[in-house]
Protein backbone atom coordinates (compact mmCIF):
# COMPACT_ATOMS: atom_id res chain seq x y z
CA MET A 1 20.27 44.36 2.28
CA HIS A 2 19.67 40.61 2.27
CA ASP A 3 20.27 38.31 5.21
CA PHE A 4 22.83 35.98 3.62
CA ASP A 5 24.01 34.73 7.03
CA GLY A 6 20.45 33.57 7.82
CA LEU A 7 20.19 31.90 4.42
CA ALA A 8 23.56 30.22 4.91
CA LYS A 9 22.42 28.88 8.32
CA LYS A 10 19.25 27.48 6.74
CA PHE A 11 21.26 25.75 4.03
CA LYS A 12 23.67 24.35 6.64
CA ARG A 13 20.74 23.01 8.66
CA LEU A 14 19.31 21.56 5.47
CA SER A 15 22.56 19.81 4.59
CA ASP A 16 23.19 18.51 8.12
CA GLU A 17 19.87 16.96 9.01
CA GLY A 18 17.36 18.02 6.44
CA ILE A 19 18.14 15.99 3.35
CA ASN A 20 17.60 12.62 5.05
CA GLN A 21 14.40 13.86 6.66
CA ILE A 22 13.15 15.28 3.35
CA LEU A 23 13.88 12.00 1.58
CA ARG A 24 12.14 10.04 4.32
CA ASN A 25 9.09 12.33 4.20
CA ILE A 26 8.90 11.98 0.42
CA ALA A 27 9.19 8.17 0.65
CA GLU A 28 6.43 8.11 3.29
CA ALA A 29 4.19 10.25 1.10
CA VAL A 30 4.79 7.93 -1.86
CA GLY A 31 4.07 4.87 0.32
CA GLU A 32 0.84 6.37 1.69
CA THR A 33 -0.22 7.38 -1.81
CA LEU A 34 0.36 3.85 -3.13
CA LEU A 35 -1.65 2.31 -0.29
CA ASN A 36 -4.51 4.73 -0.98
CA LEU A 37 -4.42 3.87 -4.70
CA VAL A 38 -4.55 0.14 -3.88
CA VAL A 39 -7.60 0.61 -1.63
CA ASP A 40 -9.24 2.77 -4.32
CA GLU A 41 -8.63 0.05 -6.93
CA ILE A 42 -10.07 -2.64 -4.63
CA ASP A 43 -13.17 -0.45 -4.31
CA LYS A 44 -13.35 0.28 -8.07
CA GLN A 45 -13.23 -3.42 -8.88
CA GLU A 46 -15.80 -4.15 -6.14
CA LEU A 47 -13.70 -7.03 -4.86
CA ILE A 48 -15.37 -9.04 -2.12
CA ASP A 49 -13.68 -8.38 1.19
CA THR A 50 -14.64 -8.48 4.86
CA GLY A 51 -12.46 -5.44 5.51
CA LEU A 52 -9.34 -7.42 6.45
CA MET A 53 -7.68 -7.00 3.06
CA TRP A 54 -8.78 -3.37 2.71
CA ASN A 55 -7.37 -2.60 6.18
CA SER A 56 -4.16 -4.51 5.49
CA PHE A 57 -3.33 -1.80 2.95
CA SER A 58 -3.60 0.90 5.63
CA ARG A 59 -0.41 1.87 7.42
CA GLY A 60 -0.23 0.44 10.93
CA GLU A 61 -3.13 -2.01 10.53
CA ASP A 62 -2.90 -5.78 11.01
CA ALA A 63 -1.09 -7.57 8.18
CA ASN A 64 0.17 -4.28 6.72
CA VAL A 65 3.70 -4.14 5.32
CA TRP A 66 5.56 -0.88 5.98
CA GLU A 67 9.29 -1.50 6.08
CA TRP A 68 12.17 0.94 5.80
CA ASP A 69 15.60 0.27 4.39
CA VAL A 70 17.93 3.17 5.04
CA ASP A 71 21.61 3.07 4.15
CA ARG A 72 24.28 5.55 3.10
CA ASN A 73 23.08 5.79 -0.47
CA ALA A 74 19.32 5.28 -0.42
CA ILE A 75 16.08 5.32 1.46
CA SER A 76 13.54 2.78 0.32
CA ILE A 77 10.15 1.77 1.60
CA GLU A 78 8.27 -1.47 1.02
CA VAL A 79 4.48 -1.35 1.38
CA GLY A 80 1.78 -3.92 0.87
CA SER A 81 -0.16 -6.66 2.63
CA ASN A 82 0.86 -9.88 4.35
CA LEU A 83 -2.53 -11.52 3.81
CA PRO A 84 -2.03 -14.58 1.59
CA TYR A 85 -5.32 -14.11 -0.23
CA ALA A 86 -4.40 -10.51 -1.13
CA ARG A 87 -1.66 -11.93 -3.39
CA HIS A 88 -3.94 -14.69 -4.74
CA LEU A 89 -6.58 -12.13 -5.65
CA ASN A 90 -4.01 -9.95 -7.39
CA ASP A 91 -2.06 -12.69 -9.18
CA GLY A 92 -4.76 -15.33 -9.65
CA TYR A 93 -4.70 -18.89 -8.37
CA THR A 94 -5.77 -22.44 -9.13
CA ILE A 95 -7.74 -24.87 -6.98
CA HIS A 96 -6.14 -28.20 -7.89
CA LYS A 97 -8.44 -30.55 -6.01
CA ALA A 98 -11.92 -30.28 -4.54
CA HIS A 99 -12.12 -29.44 -0.84
CA PHE A 100 -14.72 -28.41 1.72
CA VAL A 101 -14.83 -24.77 2.87
CA PRO A 102 -16.65 -24.42 6.21
CA GLY A 103 -18.90 -21.44 6.78
CA PHE A 104 -22.36 -20.09 6.08
CA TRP A 105 -24.21 -17.84 3.65
CA ARG A 106 -25.78 -14.58 4.83
CA ALA A 107 -29.20 -13.47 3.59
CA ASN A 108 -27.49 -10.96 1.26
CA GLY A 109 -25.65 -13.82 -0.47
CA GLN A 110 -22.26 -13.16 1.14
CA PHE A 111 -20.33 -16.21 2.31
CA VAL A 112 -18.78 -16.04 5.79
CA TYR A 113 -15.84 -18.38 6.42
CA ASP A 114 -16.15 -20.14 9.76
CA PRO A 115 -13.66 -22.97 10.47
CA ASN A 116 -15.97 -24.38 13.20
CA SER A 117 -19.08 -24.53 11.00
CA ARG A 118 -20.62 -27.83 9.94
CA THR A 119 -22.08 -26.13 6.87
CA GLY A 120 -20.21 -24.72 3.91
CA PHE A 121 -19.53 -25.57 0.27
CA MET A 122 -17.28 -27.72 -1.88
CA ALA A 123 -14.66 -25.73 -3.78
CA LYS A 124 -14.19 -27.51 -7.10
CA PRO A 125 -10.97 -27.50 -9.15
CA ARG A 126 -10.73 -24.39 -11.32
CA GLU A 127 -8.61 -21.35 -12.13
CA PHE A 128 -9.17 -17.78 -11.01
CA VAL A 129 -7.81 -14.93 -13.08
CA GLY A 130 -5.86 -12.35 -11.09
CA ARG A 131 -7.52 -8.95 -10.76
CA ARG A 132 -4.15 -7.09 -10.77
CA TYR A 133 -5.48 -4.40 -8.41
CA PHE A 134 -2.02 -3.83 -6.86
CA ASP A 135 -0.31 -3.77 -10.26
CA ILE A 136 -2.86 -1.26 -11.56
CA ALA A 137 -2.28 0.99 -8.51
CA VAL A 138 1.50 0.84 -9.03
CA GLU A 139 1.09 1.77 -12.71
CA GLU A 140 -1.14 4.68 -11.72
CA LEU A 141 1.40 5.83 -9.13
CA GLU A 142 4.27 5.59 -11.63
CA GLY A 143 2.27 7.74 -14.05
CA GLY A 144 2.17 10.57 -11.53
CA MET A 145 5.30 9.76 -9.53
CA ASN A 146 7.45 12.64 -10.77
CA ALA A 147 4.72 15.19 -10.12
CA LEU A 148 4.14 13.74 -6.64
CA ILE A 149 7.86 13.82 -5.78
CA ILE A 150 8.31 17.39 -7.09
CA LYS A 151 5.23 18.60 -5.20
CA ARG A 152 6.42 16.90 -2.00
CA LEU A 153 9.99 18.16 -2.46
CA GLU A 154 8.76 21.75 -2.85
CA LYS A 155 6.67 21.39 0.29
CA GLU A 156 9.59 19.93 2.28
CA LEU A 157 12.05 22.59 1.09
CA GLU A 158 9.58 25.34 1.93
CA ARG A 159 9.18 23.85 5.41
CA MET A 160 12.96 23.57 5.94
CA LEU A 161 13.89 26.97 4.55
CA SER A 162 11.17 29.10 6.13
C-alpha cells in the first residue's frame, strides 16, 4: 500500500512555501552560472585586469550587482558589475581628446594607475572596439539555459519531495 497521505502532505508543503523557494534557488543558480561564464570569458580573452573587474563579477564582492525583484507573478535577478570600465571594455569606447593618465609601468610591462604619480602617459584620441565578453557569456548561458533550469528544477523537486 502506498502512503498517499504522506505524498499529499509533501505536495501541500510544496505548494505553500516550496514553489517560491524553488524559483528563487533556480534564479540564484542561473545568476551564479552567468557570473562564472563572464569570469571565464574574461580569462579566455586574456583581458588586462588588476582583479577588480574579475572580482566585481563574483557575488558579494565590491562593485558586484546582485539584485532581486520579486512580485506576485515573477522572480527576476539582475547580475553584473558596477565598475564603469567593465562596461567600456565590453561595449567599446572612444577617447575624444588627449589627456594625461598618471601611474607607472612595472618591469613586466603592466601599467599601474596611480592618481598621485608624477609619471604616466598621454592617452591619445582613438577608438577601442568592445570585447563583448559579457554578451558572449549571456549567449553561452542562453544556449544551455533550458538544460540548466531543468537540471536545477529536478534537484529542487527531489529536495522538496524527499
